[in-house]
């Protein structure tokens, strides 16, 4: 299923999490994990952005991608994937620009998850 470009969170992923086991318990656990982990992962990737350590940057992008993908934050996940790919393949890129996109998309996802978590 195609996800609209303006969708911050893929609500199909949320629905699947809520449907597993017939309760919202799994969604709540994953959402709590997301809200707990994302700020630290963002701080990590922002801290590395100014360094020359592309390996650490790729690893940080991968770790954040794993967390944001757990709740269907597709745009944030794609931004992380792009940075990770560029860093791992040795292509030229401006880390700060890519990290700024990751931060923007991830903060939007975090705000949406917090709303969904509050409504659950």
C-alpha atoms as a PDB file:
ATOM      1  CA  UNK A   1       0.000   0.000   0.000  1.00  0.00           C
ATOM      2  CA  UNK A   2       1.343   3.430  -0.969  1.00  0.00           C
ATOM      3  CA  UNK A   3       1.677   6.001   1.798  1.00  0.00           C
ATOM      4  CA  UNK A   4       0.847   9.632   1.058  1.00  0.00           C
ATOM      5  CA  UNK A   5       3.903  11.877   1.015  1.00  0.00           C
ATOM      6  CA  UNK A   6       2.352  14.138   3.652  1.00  0.00           C
ATOM      7  CA  UNK A   7       1.643  11.282   6.084  1.00  0.00           C
ATOM      8  CA  UNK A   8       3.892  11.499   9.132  1.00  0.00           C
ATOM      9  CA  UNK A   9       2.862   8.103  10.531  1.00  0.00           C
ATOM     10  CA  UNK A  10       1.539   5.140   8.538  1.00  0.00           C
ATOM     11  CA  UNK A  11      -1.705   4.490  10.383  1.00  0.00           C
ATOM     12  CA  UNK A  12      -1.839   0.981   8.928  1.00  0.00           C
ATOM     13  CA  UNK A  13       1.158   0.117  11.115  1.00  0.00           C
ATOM     14  CA  UNK A  14      -0.636   1.562  14.148  1.00  0.00           C
ATOM     15  CA  UNK A  15      -3.773  -0.441  13.325  1.00  0.00           C
ATOM     16  CA  UNK A  16      -1.719  -3.632  12.978  1.00  0.00           C
ATOM     17  CA  UNK A  17      -0.060  -3.080  16.335  1.00  0.00           C
ATOM     18  CA  UNK A  18      -3.433  -2.452  17.964  1.00  0.00           C
ATOM     19  CA  UNK A  19      -4.927  -5.558  16.355  1.00  0.00           C
ATOM     20  CA  UNK A  20      -2.212  -7.926  17.574  1.00  0.00           C
ATOM     21  CA  UNK A  21      -3.612  -9.721  20.568  1.00  0.00           C
ATOM     22  CA  UNK A  22      -6.900  -7.863  20.278  1.00  0.00           C
ATOM     23  CA  UNK A  23      -5.883  -5.027  22.597  1.00  0.00           C
ATOM     24  CA  UNK A  24      -3.894  -1.820  22.411  1.00  0.00           C
ATOM     25  CA  UNK A  25      -1.264  -3.134  24.802  1.00  0.00           C
ATOM     26  CA  UNK A  26       1.389  -3.747  22.130  1.00  0.00           C
ATOM     27  CA  UNK A  27       0.785  -0.344  20.542  1.00  0.00           C
ATOM     28  CA  UNK A  28       1.171   1.335  23.929  1.00  0.00           C
ATOM     29  CA  UNK A  29       4.423  -0.518  24.665  1.00  0.00           C
ATOM     30  CA  UNK A  30       5.894   0.329  21.266  1.00  0.00           C
ATOM     31  CA  UNK A  31       4.704   3.949  21.523  1.00  0.00           C
ATOM     32  CA  UNK A  32       6.229   4.295  24.991  1.00  0.00           C
ATOM     33  CA  UNK A  33       9.507   2.843  23.720  1.00  0.00           C
ATOM     34  CA  UNK A  34       9.408   5.273  20.771  1.00  0.00           C
ATOM     35  CA  UNK A  35       8.823   8.308  23.014  1.00  0.00           C
ATOM     36  CA  UNK A  36      11.575   7.184  25.409  1.00  0.00           C
ATOM     37  CA  UNK A  37      14.218   6.377  22.765  1.00  0.00           C
ATOM     38  CA  UNK A  38      13.747   9.012  20.060  1.00  0.00           C
ATOM     39  CA  UNK A  39      15.089  12.049  21.958  1.00  0.00           C
ATOM     40  CA  UNK A  40      18.329  10.268  22.819  1.00  0.00           C
ATOM     41  CA  UNK A  41      18.761   8.924  19.294  1.00  0.00           C
ATOM     42  CA  UNK A  42      18.181  12.413  17.879  1.00  0.00           C
ATOM     43  CA  UNK A  43      20.719  13.907  20.273  1.00  0.00           C
ATOM     44  CA  UNK A  44      23.214  11.225  19.257  1.00  0.00           C
ATOM     45  CA  UNK A  45      22.869  11.828  15.520  1.00  0.00           C
ATOM     46  CA  UNK A  46      22.949  15.609  15.967  1.00  0.00           C
ATOM     47  CA  UNK A  47      26.117  15.333  18.027  1.00  0.00           C
ATOM     48  CA  UNK A  48      27.841  13.245  15.385  1.00  0.00           C
ATOM     49  CA  UNK A  49      26.712  15.426  12.454  1.00  0.00           C
ATOM     50  CA  UNK A  50      29.593  17.854  12.850  1.00  0.00           C
ATOM     51  CA  UNK A  51      32.266  15.177  13.071  1.00  0.00           C
ATOM     52  CA  UNK A  52      34.146  13.422  10.310  1.00  0.00           C
ATOM     53  CA  UNK A  53      33.151   9.982  11.627  1.00  0.00           C
ATOM     54  CA  UNK A  54      30.892   8.741   8.819  1.00  0.00           C
ATOM     55  CA  UNK A  55      30.833   5.244  10.318  1.00  0.00           C
ATOM     56  CA  UNK A  56      29.377   6.548  13.574  1.00  0.00           C
ATOM     57  CA  UNK A  57      26.937   8.689  11.608  1.00  0.00           C
ATOM     58  CA  UNK A  58      25.778   5.663   9.581  1.00  0.00           C
ATOM     59  CA  UNK A  59      25.359   3.638  12.773  1.00  0.00           C
ATOM     60  CA  UNK A  60      23.385   6.418  14.461  1.00  0.00           C
ATOM     61  CA  UNK A  61      21.139   6.783  11.405  1.00  0.00           C
ATOM     62  CA  UNK A  62      20.566   3.021  11.368  1.00  0.00           C
ATOM     63  CA  UNK A  63      19.674   2.942  15.069  1.00  0.00           C
ATOM     64  CA  UNK A  64      17.217   5.811  14.694  1.00  0.00           C
ATOM     65  CA  UNK A  65      15.735   4.222  11.568  1.00  0.00           C
ATOM     66  CA  UNK A  66      14.967   1.092  13.573  1.00  0.00           C
ATOM     67  CA  UNK A  67      13.096   3.038  16.235  1.00  0.00           C
ATOM     68  CA  UNK A  68      11.084   5.260  13.889  1.00  0.00           C
ATOM     69  CA  UNK A  69      10.174   2.359  11.628  1.00  0.00           C
ATOM     70  CA  UNK A  70       8.594   0.499  14.535  1.00  0.00           C
ATOM     71  CA  UNK A  71       5.609   2.866  14.398  1.00  0.00           C
ATOM     72  CA  UNK A  72       5.475   3.540  10.678  1.00  0.00           C
ATOM     73  CA  UNK A  73       7.281   6.892  10.617  1.00  0.00           C
ATOM     74  CA  UNK A  74       8.127   6.296   6.964  1.00  0.00           C
ATOM     75  CA  UNK A  75       9.451   9.756   6.065  1.00  0.00           C
ATOM     76  CA  UNK A  76      11.763   9.811   9.082  1.00  0.00           C
ATOM     77  CA  UNK A  77      12.849   6.265   8.317  1.00  0.00           C
ATOM     78  CA  UNK A  78      13.567   7.109   4.687  1.00  0.00           C
ATOM     79  CA  UNK A  79      15.619  10.155   5.714  1.00  0.00           C
ATOM     80  CA  UNK A  80      17.678   7.938   8.040  1.00  0.00           C
ATOM     81  CA  UNK A  81      18.060   5.324   5.323  1.00  0.00           C
ATOM     82  CA  UNK A  82      19.321   7.932   2.840  1.00  0.00           C
ATOM     83  CA  UNK A  83      21.968   9.200   5.260  1.00  0.00           C
ATOM     84  CA  UNK A  84      23.024   5.684   6.207  1.00  0.00           C
ATOM     85  CA  UNK A  85      23.382   4.656   2.555  1.00  0.00           C
ATOM     86  CA  UNK A  86      25.423   7.709   1.616  1.00  0.00           C
ATOM     87  CA  UNK A  87      27.682   7.298   4.630  1.00  0.00           C
ATOM     88  CA  UNK A  88      28.246   3.573   4.099  1.00  0.00           C
ATOM     89  CA  UNK A  89      28.948   3.894   0.368  1.00  0.00           C
ATOM     90  CA  UNK A  90      31.417   6.751   0.700  1.00  0.00           C
ATOM     91  CA  UNK A  91      29.397   9.181  -1.395  1.00  0.00           C
ATOM     92  CA  UNK A  92      29.704  12.924  -0.923  1.00  0.00           C
ATOM     93  CA  UNK A  93      27.017  14.523   1.239  1.00  0.00           C
ATOM     94  CA  UNK A  94      26.513  17.375   3.666  1.00  0.00           C
ATOM     95  CA  UNK A  95      25.817  15.666   6.988  1.00  0.00           C
ATOM     96  CA  UNK A  96      24.276  18.717   8.635  1.00  0.00           C
ATOM     97  CA  UNK A  97      21.679  19.106   5.851  1.00  0.00           C
ATOM     98  CA  UNK A  98      20.645  15.457   6.009  1.00  0.00           C
ATOM     99  CA  UNK A  99      20.559  15.443   9.797  1.00  0.00           C
ATOM    100  CA  UNK A 100      18.362  18.567   9.755  1.00  0.00           C
ATOM    101  CA  UNK A 101      15.846  16.676   7.588  1.00  0.00           C
ATOM    102  CA  UNK A 102      16.009  13.666   9.899  1.00  0.00           C
ATOM    103  CA  UNK A 103      15.424  15.868  12.940  1.00  0.00           C
ATOM    104  CA  UNK A 104      12.471  17.653  11.327  1.00  0.00           C
ATOM    105  CA  UNK A 105      10.796  14.419  10.210  1.00  0.00           C
ATOM    106  CA  UNK A 106      11.483  12.598  13.458  1.00  0.00           C
ATOM    107  CA  UNK A 107      10.165  15.443  15.621  1.00  0.00           C
ATOM    108  CA  UNK A 108       6.979  15.499  13.525  1.00  0.00           C
ATOM    109  CA  UNK A 109       6.630  11.737  14.047  1.00  0.00           C
ATOM    110  CA  UNK A 110       7.293  12.088  17.768  1.00  0.00           C
ATOM    111  CA  UNK A 111       4.552  14.703  18.098  1.00  0.00           C
ATOM    112  CA  UNK A 112       2.112  12.466  16.211  1.00  0.00           C
ATOM    113  CA  UNK A 113       2.977   9.413  18.319  1.00  0.00           C
ATOM    114  CA  UNK A 114       2.501  11.414  21.507  1.00  0.00           C
ATOM    115  CA  UNK A 115      -0.974  12.443  20.290  1.00  0.00           C
ATOM    116  CA  UNK A 116      -1.867   8.864  19.384  1.00  0.00           C
ATOM    117  CA  UNK A 117      -0.522   7.573  22.691  1.00  0.00           C
ATOM    118  CA  UNK A 118      -2.584  10.103  24.632  1.00  0.00           C
ATOM    119  CA  UNK A 119      -5.722   9.108  22.735  1.00  0.00           C
ATOM    120  CA  UNK A 120      -5.195   5.375  23.333  1.00  0.00           C
END
